[in-house]
Amino acid sequence: MKYFIKTYGCQMNKSDSEKIAGAFKVKGYTKAKSLNEANVVVI
C-alpha cells in the first residue's frame, strides 16, 4: 500500500504530517510520489 500526505499551514501541521508518515511506515506502507498512485491520501 502507498500513502500520500499533503500538508498545508503552519509548522505544527508539518510535524503532525511527519508523525502520520512515521505511523504509515511502521505499518509497512511506502510513500507515493503522487496523489494518483496512492492508496491512502491525507490532507
PDB file of N, CA and C in Angstrom:
ATOM      1  N   MET A   1       0.849  -1.180   0.000  1.00  0.00           N
ATOM      2  CA  MET A   1       0.000   0.000   0.000  1.00  0.00           C
ATOM      3  C   MET A   1       0.895   1.243   0.000  1.00  0.00           C
ATOM      4  N   LYS A   2       0.389   2.286  -0.633  1.00  0.00           N
ATOM      5  CA  LYS A   2       1.129   3.547  -0.699  1.00  0.00           C
ATOM      6  C   LYS A   2       0.282   4.672  -0.120  1.00  0.00           C
ATOM      7  N   TYR A   3       0.963   5.625   0.533  1.00  0.00           N
ATOM      8  CA  TYR A   3       0.272   6.775   1.115  1.00  0.00           C
ATOM      9  C   TYR A   3       0.811   8.068   0.513  1.00  0.00           C
ATOM     10  N   PHE A   4      -0.026   9.088   0.543  1.00  0.00           N
ATOM     11  CA  PHE A   4       0.356  10.422   0.090  1.00  0.00           C
ATOM     12  C   PHE A   4      -0.172  11.416   1.106  1.00  0.00           C
ATOM     13  N   ILE A   5       0.683  12.315   1.576  1.00  0.00           N
ATOM     14  CA  ILE A   5       0.283  13.336   2.546  1.00  0.00           C
ATOM     15  C   ILE A   5       0.538  14.708   1.950  1.00  0.00           C
ATOM     16  N   LYS A   6      -0.479  15.552   1.955  1.00  0.00           N
ATOM     17  CA  LYS A   6      -0.358  16.949   1.524  1.00  0.00           C
ATOM     18  C   LYS A   6      -0.563  17.814   2.759  1.00  0.00           C
ATOM     19  N   THR A   7       0.434  18.623   3.075  1.00  0.00           N
ATOM     20  CA  THR A   7       0.399  19.440   4.286  1.00  0.00           C
ATOM     21  C   THR A   7       0.221  20.908   3.939  1.00  0.00           C
ATOM     22  N   TYR A   8      -0.716  21.540   4.614  1.00  0.00           N
ATOM     23  CA  TYR A   8      -0.954  22.976   4.473  1.00  0.00           C
ATOM     24  C   TYR A   8      -0.794  23.622   5.845  1.00  0.00           C
ATOM     25  N   GLY A   9      -0.373  24.876   5.866  1.00  0.00           N
ATOM     26  CA  GLY A   9      -0.392  25.621   7.119  1.00  0.00           C
ATOM     27  C   GLY A   9       0.941  25.717   7.821  1.00  0.00           C
ATOM     28  N   CYS A  10       0.855  25.723   9.132  1.00  0.00           N
ATOM     29  CA  CYS A  10       1.988  26.059  10.000  1.00  0.00           C
ATOM     30  C   CYS A  10       2.928  24.875  10.247  1.00  0.00           C
ATOM     31  N   GLN A  11       3.967  25.136  11.023  1.00  0.00           N
ATOM     32  CA  GLN A  11       4.962  24.122  11.366  1.00  0.00           C
ATOM     33  C   GLN A  11       4.361  22.971  12.159  1.00  0.00           C
ATOM     34  N   MET A  12       3.347  23.248  12.959  1.00  0.00           N
ATOM     35  CA  MET A  12       2.708  22.182  13.730  1.00  0.00           C
ATOM     36  C   MET A  12       2.029  21.184  12.792  1.00  0.00           C
ATOM     37  N   ASN A  13       1.451  21.678  11.715  1.00  0.00           N
ATOM     38  CA  ASN A  13       0.837  20.781  10.735  1.00  0.00           C
ATOM     39  C   ASN A  13       1.897  19.900  10.089  1.00  0.00           C
ATOM     40  N   LYS A  14       3.065  20.475   9.806  1.00  0.00           N
ATOM     41  CA  LYS A  14       4.164  19.697   9.224  1.00  0.00           C
ATOM     42  C   LYS A  14       4.614  18.610  10.198  1.00  0.00           C
ATOM     43  N   SER A  15       4.711  18.960  11.454  1.00  0.00           N
ATOM     44  CA  SER A  15       5.095  17.990  12.473  1.00  0.00           C
ATOM     45  C   SER A  15       4.077  16.856  12.557  1.00  0.00           C
ATOM     46  N   ASP A  16       2.807  17.197  12.530  1.00  0.00           N
ATOM     47  CA  ASP A  16       1.753  16.180  12.561  1.00  0.00           C
ATOM     48  C   ASP A  16       1.842  15.264  11.344  1.00  0.00           C
ATOM     49  N   SER A  17       2.104  15.845  10.189  1.00  0.00           N
ATOM     50  CA  SER A  17       2.227  15.048   8.964  1.00  0.00           C
ATOM     51  C   SER A  17       3.400  14.077   9.058  1.00  0.00           C
ATOM     52  N   GLU A  18       4.499  14.514   9.648  1.00  0.00           N
ATOM     53  CA  GLU A  18       5.659  13.642   9.819  1.00  0.00           C
ATOM     54  C   GLU A  18       5.346  12.486  10.767  1.00  0.00           C
ATOM     55  N   LYS A  19       4.573  12.757  11.799  1.00  0.00           N
ATOM     56  CA  LYS A  19       4.162  11.695  12.730  1.00  0.00           C
ATOM     57  C   LYS A  19       3.264  10.684  12.030  1.00  0.00           C
ATOM     58  N   ILE A  20       2.332  11.175  11.226  1.00  0.00           N
ATOM     59  CA  ILE A  20       1.438  10.287  10.477  1.00  0.00           C
ATOM     60  C   ILE A  20       2.241   9.437   9.497  1.00  0.00           C
ATOM     61  N   ALA A  21       3.192  10.059   8.801  1.00  0.00           N
ATOM     62  CA  ALA A  21       4.043   9.322   7.860  1.00  0.00           C
ATOM     63  C   ALA A  21       4.816   8.217   8.581  1.00  0.00           C
ATOM     64  N   GLY A  22       5.311   8.521   9.758  1.00  0.00           N
ATOM     65  CA  GLY A  22       6.026   7.517  10.549  1.00  0.00           C
ATOM     66  C   GLY A  22       5.142   6.338  10.910  1.00  0.00           C
ATOM     67  N   ALA A  23       3.891   6.620  11.244  1.00  0.00           N
ATOM     68  CA  ALA A  23       2.948   5.550  11.577  1.00  0.00           C
ATOM     69  C   ALA A  23       2.671   4.672  10.358  1.00  0.00           C
ATOM     70  N   PHE A  24       2.545   5.287   9.185  1.00  0.00           N
ATOM     71  CA  PHE A  24       2.347   4.507   7.965  1.00  0.00           C
ATOM     72  C   PHE A  24       3.556   3.622   7.693  1.00  0.00           C
ATOM     73  N   LYS A  25       4.755   4.156   7.863  1.00  0.00           N
ATOM     74  CA  LYS A  25       5.977   3.393   7.599  1.00  0.00           C
ATOM     75  C   LYS A  25       6.088   2.188   8.524  1.00  0.00           C
ATOM     76  N   VAL A  26       5.722   2.369   9.789  1.00  0.00           N
ATOM     77  CA  VAL A  26       5.752   1.266  10.753  1.00  0.00           C
ATOM     78  C   VAL A  26       4.824   0.135  10.309  1.00  0.00           C
ATOM     79  N   LYS A  27       3.722   0.497   9.684  1.00  0.00           N
ATOM     80  CA  LYS A  27       2.745  -0.496   9.217  1.00  0.00           C
ATOM     81  C   LYS A  27       3.116  -1.098   7.862  1.00  0.00           C
ATOM     82  N   GLY A  28       4.244  -0.654   7.293  1.00  0.00           N
ATOM     83  CA  GLY A  28       4.717  -1.227   6.048  1.00  0.00           C
ATOM     84  C   GLY A  28       4.294  -0.492   4.786  1.00  0.00           C
ATOM     85  N   TYR A  29       3.682   0.668   4.937  1.00  0.00           N
ATOM     86  CA  TYR A  29       3.292   1.468   3.778  1.00  0.00           C
ATOM     87  C   TYR A  29       4.526   2.143   3.191  1.00  0.00           C
ATOM     88  N   THR A  30       4.464   2.465   1.914  1.00  0.00           N
ATOM     89  CA  THR A  30       5.519   3.238   1.278  1.00  0.00           C
ATOM     90  C   THR A  30       4.935   4.560   0.798  1.00  0.00           C
ATOM     91  N   LYS A  31       5.788   5.555   0.686  1.00  0.00           N
ATOM     92  CA  LYS A  31       5.343   6.887   0.283  1.00  0.00           C
ATOM     93  C   LYS A  31       5.133   6.939  -1.226  1.00  0.00           C
ATOM     94  N   ALA A  32       3.965   7.404  -1.635  1.00  0.00           N
ATOM     95  CA  ALA A  32       3.667   7.571  -3.058  1.00  0.00           C
ATOM     96  C   ALA A  32       4.303   8.858  -3.556  1.00  0.00           C
ATOM     97  N   LYS A  33       4.748   8.854  -4.800  1.00  0.00           N
ATOM     98  CA  LYS A  33       5.339  10.055  -5.383  1.00  0.00           C
ATOM     99  C   LYS A  33       4.279  11.051  -5.824  1.00  0.00           C
ATOM    100  N   SER A  34       3.062  10.567  -6.035  1.00  0.00           N
ATOM    101  CA  SER A  34       1.985  11.459  -6.464  1.00  0.00           C
ATOM    102  C   SER A  34       0.663  11.013  -5.856  1.00  0.00           C
ATOM    103  N   LEU A  35      -0.271  11.905  -5.867  1.00  0.00           N
ATOM    104  CA  LEU A  35      -1.615  11.626  -5.371  1.00  0.00           C
ATOM    105  C   LEU A  35      -2.251  10.465  -6.132  1.00  0.00           C
ATOM    106  N   ASN A  36      -2.023  10.409  -7.427  1.00  0.00           N
ATOM    107  CA  ASN A  36      -2.669   9.397  -8.272  1.00  0.00           C
ATOM    108  C   ASN A  36      -2.217   7.969  -7.998  1.00  0.00           C
ATOM    109  N   GLU A  37      -1.019   7.780  -7.487  1.00  0.00           N
ATOM    110  CA  GLU A  37      -0.550   6.415  -7.239  1.00  0.00           C
ATOM    111  C   GLU A  37      -0.794   5.961  -5.803  1.00  0.00           C
ATOM    112  N   ALA A  38      -1.383   6.815  -4.975  1.00  0.00           N
ATOM    113  CA  ALA A  38      -1.601   6.498  -3.562  1.00  0.00           C
ATOM    114  C   ALA A  38      -2.881   5.698  -3.346  1.00  0.00           C
ATOM    115  N   ASN A  39      -2.806   4.778  -2.376  1.00  0.00           N
ATOM    116  CA  ASN A  39      -3.992   4.061  -1.926  1.00  0.00           C
ATOM    117  C   ASN A  39      -4.688   4.819  -0.804  1.00  0.00           C
ATOM    118  N   VAL A  40      -3.897   5.589  -0.047  1.00  0.00           N
ATOM    119  CA  VAL A  40      -4.406   6.373   1.078  1.00  0.00           C
ATOM    120  C   VAL A  40      -3.912   7.804   0.915  1.00  0.00           C
ATOM    121  N   VAL A  41      -4.822   8.771   1.090  1.00  0.00           N
ATOM    122  CA  VAL A  41      -4.470  10.187   0.964  1.00  0.00           C
ATOM    123  C   VAL A  41      -4.865  10.907   2.247  1.00  0.00           C
ATOM    124  N   VAL A  42      -3.930  11.694   2.792  1.00  0.00           N
ATOM    125  CA  VAL A  42      -4.182  12.511   3.981  1.00  0.00           C
ATOM    126  C   VAL A  42      -3.942  13.963   3.597  1.00  0.00           C
ATOM    127  N   ILE A  43      -4.944  14.805   3.852  1.00  0.00           N
ATOM    128  CA  ILE A  43      -4.816  16.242   3.553  1.00  0.00           C
ATOM    129  C   ILE A  43      -4.955  17.007   4.847  1.00  0.00           C
TER     130      ILE A  43
END
